[in-house]
Every structure is written in structure tokens, then in C-alpha cells.
Amino acid sequence: FATRVDRLDLDSLHPRGFKILLELLAPNTLAVGEEPFVFGERYAGHSKATFKTGLRYLEQLAALRFGRMSRFAIIGGFGAVLNILILWVLTGLGVHYVAGAVISAVVTILTNFLLQERFVFRDLRNEGRGVWSRFAHSFAFNGTDAAIRLPVLWWLVEFTGMWPVLVQAVTLVVAFLLRFVFHVQVVYKPRRTQPSIGVTPPLGADRADERVQ
């Protein structure tokens, strides 16, 4: 494929060496023309496509369509399932549902933070707060969220007779969007870069930078 470089927003590209054409088409408005061709019959070797390749393709489609939120949602979904599973096991062992909710919340907060560091905000880890500051802010917000949800859980279970696991699942879904916004806007917010005082860039430097890009 070929395209005009001046029609692309180069700053929006984050290629991963896989399906680069998708990375070009998704964020840019381009007129597409196709010239069809037919693959020849394979006489030797074998395809490099694997099940893992298919999963990477689906991950890339989701990332291009929904950005970080898709990966955040996947990890949040995993954490919610883990949270509910832990609560179900603990209540089955005779642990009071409030104590079980506290334990499951702490475990999933720690697990989600580690997964978000690795898979959602990996490119922003060196752009703002240090790791312990990120952890403290994330834990504080999620802990506050859990502390707010616990009274709601208790009230609904005690006064409506709803199943604790069901109530926990509903409150986790409601809290998802707030957690995502907080992590993007606070925990992983990049530093603001300030121009050097008293330093004037040479005439045409910005155009030169554009040409280099």
C-alpha cells in the first residue's frame, strides 16, 4: 500500500509491527482505492498465522476502536470476575459477606493495578508520577470506591434480601467508568512540559521538525 505522508497524523500512530495499514486507516480520513490481485498457490512452507496472531488482531481492532478503555475494560472484567469468585468462595466457607467483600476488594485492587501497569498504561509509566505514587493514588481511589460500595452492598442485602454476589456484580459495573476516568486524568496523567524561559527557537525550526517527522 502507499499513501501521502501529509495526509497522516503521525503523532497518532503507535505501530506495533502488525497490520500497520489498520493503524493508518483508523485515525485518518483517507480515500481508499484498491487494485485486486490473487495469491498464488503455496507449494512450500506454511502460514505464519496462528491462534495467537488472531487474538493480537482482535486486540488491535479493539484498541483502535475504543483506545485504552477496551483494555481497561478487559482487565476490569477480569477483576470483577475474580472479585465475585473470591466472595463466592469465602461466603461458601462461612466468612461473613462484608469481610469477604473487603478481602476480595483488596486482592482485586492489587491485581488490577499490576495488570494496568503492564497492559493499559505501559507507555505512560515514565511520563508522570512514580510507581509508588501511582499505586497510592490508584489504591486510595479504589479503596474509597470499595468503602462506598460496602454500605450499599450491606443495605441491599439486609433490606431487600438480594444475593450478595449479584449486588457486588452490579456495583462493580456502575463504578467502572469512574475508575477509568480517574486513572486517565489523575494517576497516569503526563507531566506538562514548560518551554525554556529566555530561549527563542531559530526561525523555521518548527518547519524543520515537521520535515524530519
Protein backbone atom coordinates (compact mmCIF):
# COMPACT_ATOMS: atom_id res chain seq x y z
CA PHE A 1 0.00 0.00 0.00
CA ALA A 2 1.04 3.62 -0.46
CA THR A 3 -0.24 6.94 0.86
CA ARG A 4 0.65 10.61 1.01
CA VAL A 5 2.53 11.41 4.22
CA ASP A 6 0.99 14.88 4.50
CA ARG A 7 -2.47 13.28 4.89
CA LEU A 8 -1.44 11.40 8.02
CA ASP A 9 -1.42 12.44 11.66
CA LEU A 10 1.95 10.94 12.51
CA ASP A 11 1.65 11.74 16.21
CA SER A 12 -1.40 9.49 16.48
CA LEU A 13 0.44 6.45 15.14
CA HIS A 14 1.61 3.80 17.59
CA PRO A 15 2.54 0.90 15.28
CA ARG A 16 3.31 -2.46 16.78
CA GLY A 17 4.67 -4.12 13.66
CA PHE A 18 1.36 -5.84 12.95
CA LYS A 19 -1.34 -4.75 10.50
CA ILE A 20 0.20 -1.30 10.05
CA LEU A 21 -2.44 -0.40 7.44
CA LEU A 22 -5.10 -0.55 10.17
CA GLU A 23 -3.07 1.95 12.19
CA LEU A 24 -3.10 4.32 9.21
CA LEU A 25 -6.77 3.97 8.27
CA ALA A 26 -8.34 4.06 11.74
CA PRO A 27 -7.36 7.59 12.91
CA ASN A 28 -7.10 9.25 9.49
CA THR A 29 -9.75 10.17 6.92
CA LEU A 30 -8.43 8.77 3.66
CA ALA A 31 -9.96 7.91 0.32
CA VAL A 32 -9.13 4.27 -0.37
CA GLY A 33 -8.64 2.76 -3.82
CA GLU A 34 -7.93 -0.93 -4.28
CA GLU A 35 -6.21 -2.89 -7.03
CA PRO A 36 -7.21 -6.56 -6.64
CA PHE A 37 -4.77 -9.43 -7.01
CA VAL A 38 -4.84 -13.17 -6.49
CA PHE A 39 -2.45 -15.01 -4.20
CA GLY A 40 -0.54 -17.80 -5.87
CA GLU A 41 -0.90 -21.36 -4.71
CA ARG A 42 1.51 -22.33 -1.95
CA TYR A 43 3.92 -25.10 -2.87
CA ALA A 44 6.28 -24.99 0.12
CA GLY A 45 6.44 -23.83 3.72
CA HIS A 46 3.43 -22.99 5.84
CA SER A 47 1.44 -19.98 7.00
CA LYS A 48 2.74 -17.90 9.91
CA ALA A 49 -0.82 -17.27 11.08
CA THR A 50 -1.62 -18.78 14.49
CA PHE A 51 -4.39 -18.57 17.05
CA LYS A 52 -2.22 -16.10 18.98
CA THR A 53 -1.98 -13.96 15.84
CA GLY A 54 -5.77 -13.90 15.64
CA LEU A 55 -6.01 -12.77 19.25
CA ARG A 56 -3.49 -9.98 18.61
CA TYR A 57 -5.56 -8.88 15.61
CA LEU A 58 -8.73 -8.70 17.71
CA GLU A 59 -6.84 -6.83 20.44
CA GLN A 60 -5.59 -4.30 17.90
CA LEU A 61 -9.09 -3.79 16.46
CA ALA A 62 -10.47 -3.15 19.96
CA ALA A 63 -7.62 -0.78 20.82
CA LEU A 64 -8.11 1.24 17.62
CA ARG A 65 -11.87 1.43 18.13
CA PHE A 66 -12.02 2.10 21.86
CA GLY A 67 -8.46 3.06 22.81
CA ARG A 68 -7.27 2.30 26.33
CA MET A 69 -10.79 1.82 27.57
CA SER A 70 -11.07 -1.55 25.84
CA ARG A 71 -8.02 -2.94 27.63
CA PHE A 72 -9.07 -1.26 30.87
CA ALA A 73 -12.49 -2.88 30.48
CA ILE A 74 -10.99 -6.32 29.85
CA ILE A 75 -8.84 -6.07 32.98
CA GLY A 76 -11.75 -4.61 34.91
CA GLY A 77 -13.92 -7.50 33.75
CA PHE A 78 -11.28 -9.98 34.85
CA GLY A 79 -11.02 -8.21 38.21
CA ALA A 80 -14.79 -8.24 38.62
CA VAL A 81 -14.94 -11.98 37.93
CA LEU A 82 -12.06 -12.55 40.36
CA ASN A 83 -13.75 -10.34 42.95
CA ILE A 84 -17.05 -12.20 42.68
CA LEU A 85 -15.32 -15.59 42.68
CA ILE A 86 -13.37 -14.77 45.84
CA LEU A 87 -16.53 -13.52 47.55
CA TRP A 88 -18.44 -16.63 46.49
CA VAL A 89 -15.70 -18.93 47.83
CA LEU A 90 -15.34 -17.06 51.13
CA THR A 91 -19.07 -16.90 51.80
CA GLY A 92 -19.26 -20.58 50.96
CA LEU A 93 -16.61 -21.21 53.62
CA GLY A 94 -18.69 -19.37 56.19
CA VAL A 95 -16.96 -15.99 56.08
CA HIS A 96 -19.38 -13.07 56.59
CA TYR A 97 -20.18 -11.40 53.28
CA VAL A 98 -18.90 -7.98 54.45
CA ALA A 99 -15.50 -9.40 55.44
CA GLY A 100 -15.45 -11.38 52.21
CA ALA A 101 -16.16 -8.22 50.21
CA VAL A 102 -13.25 -6.42 51.90
CA ILE A 103 -10.81 -9.26 51.20
CA SER A 104 -11.93 -9.65 47.58
CA ALA A 105 -11.69 -5.87 47.05
CA VAL A 106 -8.08 -5.69 48.32
CA VAL A 107 -6.96 -8.66 46.21
CA THR A 108 -8.55 -7.35 43.02
CA ILE A 109 -7.30 -3.78 43.54
CA LEU A 110 -3.71 -5.07 43.72
CA THR A 111 -4.20 -7.43 40.77
CA ASN A 112 -5.84 -4.78 38.57
CA PHE A 113 -3.09 -2.26 39.28
CA LEU A 114 -0.35 -4.68 38.21
CA LEU A 115 -2.23 -5.62 35.03
CA GLN A 116 -2.97 -1.98 34.17
CA GLU A 117 0.68 -1.10 34.59
CA ARG A 118 1.62 -3.85 32.14
CA PHE A 119 -1.12 -3.76 29.52
CA VAL A 120 -3.02 -0.43 29.65
CA PHE A 121 -0.72 2.40 30.69
CA ARG A 122 2.68 0.92 29.92
CA ASP A 123 3.62 3.83 27.61
CA LEU A 124 2.77 6.42 30.29
CA ARG A 125 4.67 4.94 33.22
CA ASN A 126 7.61 7.29 32.71
CA GLU A 127 5.54 10.36 31.77
CA GLY A 128 4.18 11.45 35.14
CA ARG A 129 4.04 10.10 38.66
CA GLY A 130 6.42 7.49 40.05
CA VAL A 131 5.24 3.92 40.52
CA TRP A 132 4.59 4.25 44.26
CA SER A 133 2.68 7.48 43.75
CA ARG A 134 0.61 5.82 41.03
CA PHE A 135 -0.06 2.87 43.29
CA ALA A 136 -1.01 5.10 46.22
CA HIS A 137 -3.46 7.16 44.14
CA SER A 138 -4.93 4.07 42.49
CA PHE A 139 -5.28 2.19 45.78
CA ALA A 140 -6.77 5.23 47.54
CA PHE A 141 -9.38 5.77 44.86
CA ASN A 142 -10.29 2.12 44.54
CA GLY A 143 -10.31 1.75 48.30
CA THR A 144 -12.66 4.73 48.62
CA ASP A 145 -14.82 3.24 45.88
CA ALA A 146 -14.95 -0.07 47.75
CA ALA A 147 -15.71 1.73 51.04
CA ILE A 148 -18.68 3.47 49.38
CA ARG A 149 -19.93 0.28 47.79
CA LEU A 150 -19.81 -1.75 51.02
CA PRO A 151 -22.65 0.15 52.76
CA VAL A 152 -24.66 -0.10 49.56
CA LEU A 153 -23.96 -3.84 49.48
CA TRP A 154 -24.99 -4.21 53.14
CA TRP A 155 -28.18 -2.18 52.76
CA LEU A 156 -29.36 -4.00 49.63
CA VAL A 157 -28.64 -7.43 51.11
CA GLU A 158 -30.15 -6.72 54.53
CA PHE A 159 -33.25 -4.80 53.46
CA THR A 160 -34.07 -6.30 50.06
CA GLY A 161 -32.80 -9.83 50.52
CA MET A 162 -30.79 -9.70 47.27
CA TRP A 163 -27.98 -12.20 46.74
CA PRO A 164 -24.65 -10.60 47.87
CA VAL A 165 -22.78 -11.82 44.78
CA LEU A 166 -25.36 -10.25 42.45
CA VAL A 167 -25.25 -6.92 44.31
CA GLN A 168 -21.45 -6.94 44.17
CA ALA A 169 -21.53 -7.52 40.41
CA VAL A 170 -23.96 -4.63 39.79
CA THR A 171 -21.97 -2.14 41.89
CA LEU A 172 -18.73 -3.11 40.14
CA VAL A 173 -20.24 -2.34 36.75
CA VAL A 174 -21.51 1.05 37.94
CA ALA A 175 -18.07 2.03 39.29
CA PHE A 176 -16.13 1.06 36.13
CA LEU A 177 -16.41 4.35 34.21
CA LEU A 178 -15.43 6.49 37.21
CA ARG A 179 -12.32 4.37 37.77
CA PHE A 180 -11.26 4.70 34.16
CA VAL A 181 -11.66 8.50 34.10
CA PHE A 182 -9.73 8.86 37.38
CA HIS A 183 -6.82 6.72 36.18
CA VAL A 184 -6.55 8.57 32.87
CA GLN A 185 -6.90 12.07 34.28
CA VAL A 186 -5.01 11.67 37.57
CA VAL A 187 -2.97 8.51 38.08
CA TYR A 188 -1.32 8.36 34.64
CA LYS A 189 -1.66 11.97 33.56
CA PRO A 190 1.60 13.03 31.81
CA ARG A 191 3.65 15.92 33.11
CA ARG A 192 3.13 19.29 31.49
CA THR A 193 6.21 20.39 29.63
CA GLN A 194 7.16 24.04 30.03
CA PRO A 195 9.12 25.96 27.40
CA SER A 196 12.56 27.14 28.44
CA ILE A 197 12.44 30.76 29.63
CA GLY A 198 14.51 33.16 27.56
CA VAL A 199 15.22 30.64 24.79
CA THR A 200 13.78 31.50 21.38
CA PRO A 201 13.80 28.76 18.75
CA PRO A 202 15.53 29.72 15.49
CA LEU A 203 13.31 30.89 12.66
CA GLY A 204 11.86 27.96 10.77
CA ALA A 205 12.83 25.39 13.43
CA ASP A 206 9.25 24.18 13.73
CA ARG A 207 9.07 23.62 9.98
CA ALA A 208 12.34 21.75 10.10
CA ASP A 209 10.95 19.50 12.81
CA GLU A 210 7.91 18.80 10.67
CA ARG A 211 10.13 17.81 7.76
CA VAL A 212 12.14 15.46 9.97
CA GLN A 213 8.94 13.79 11.18
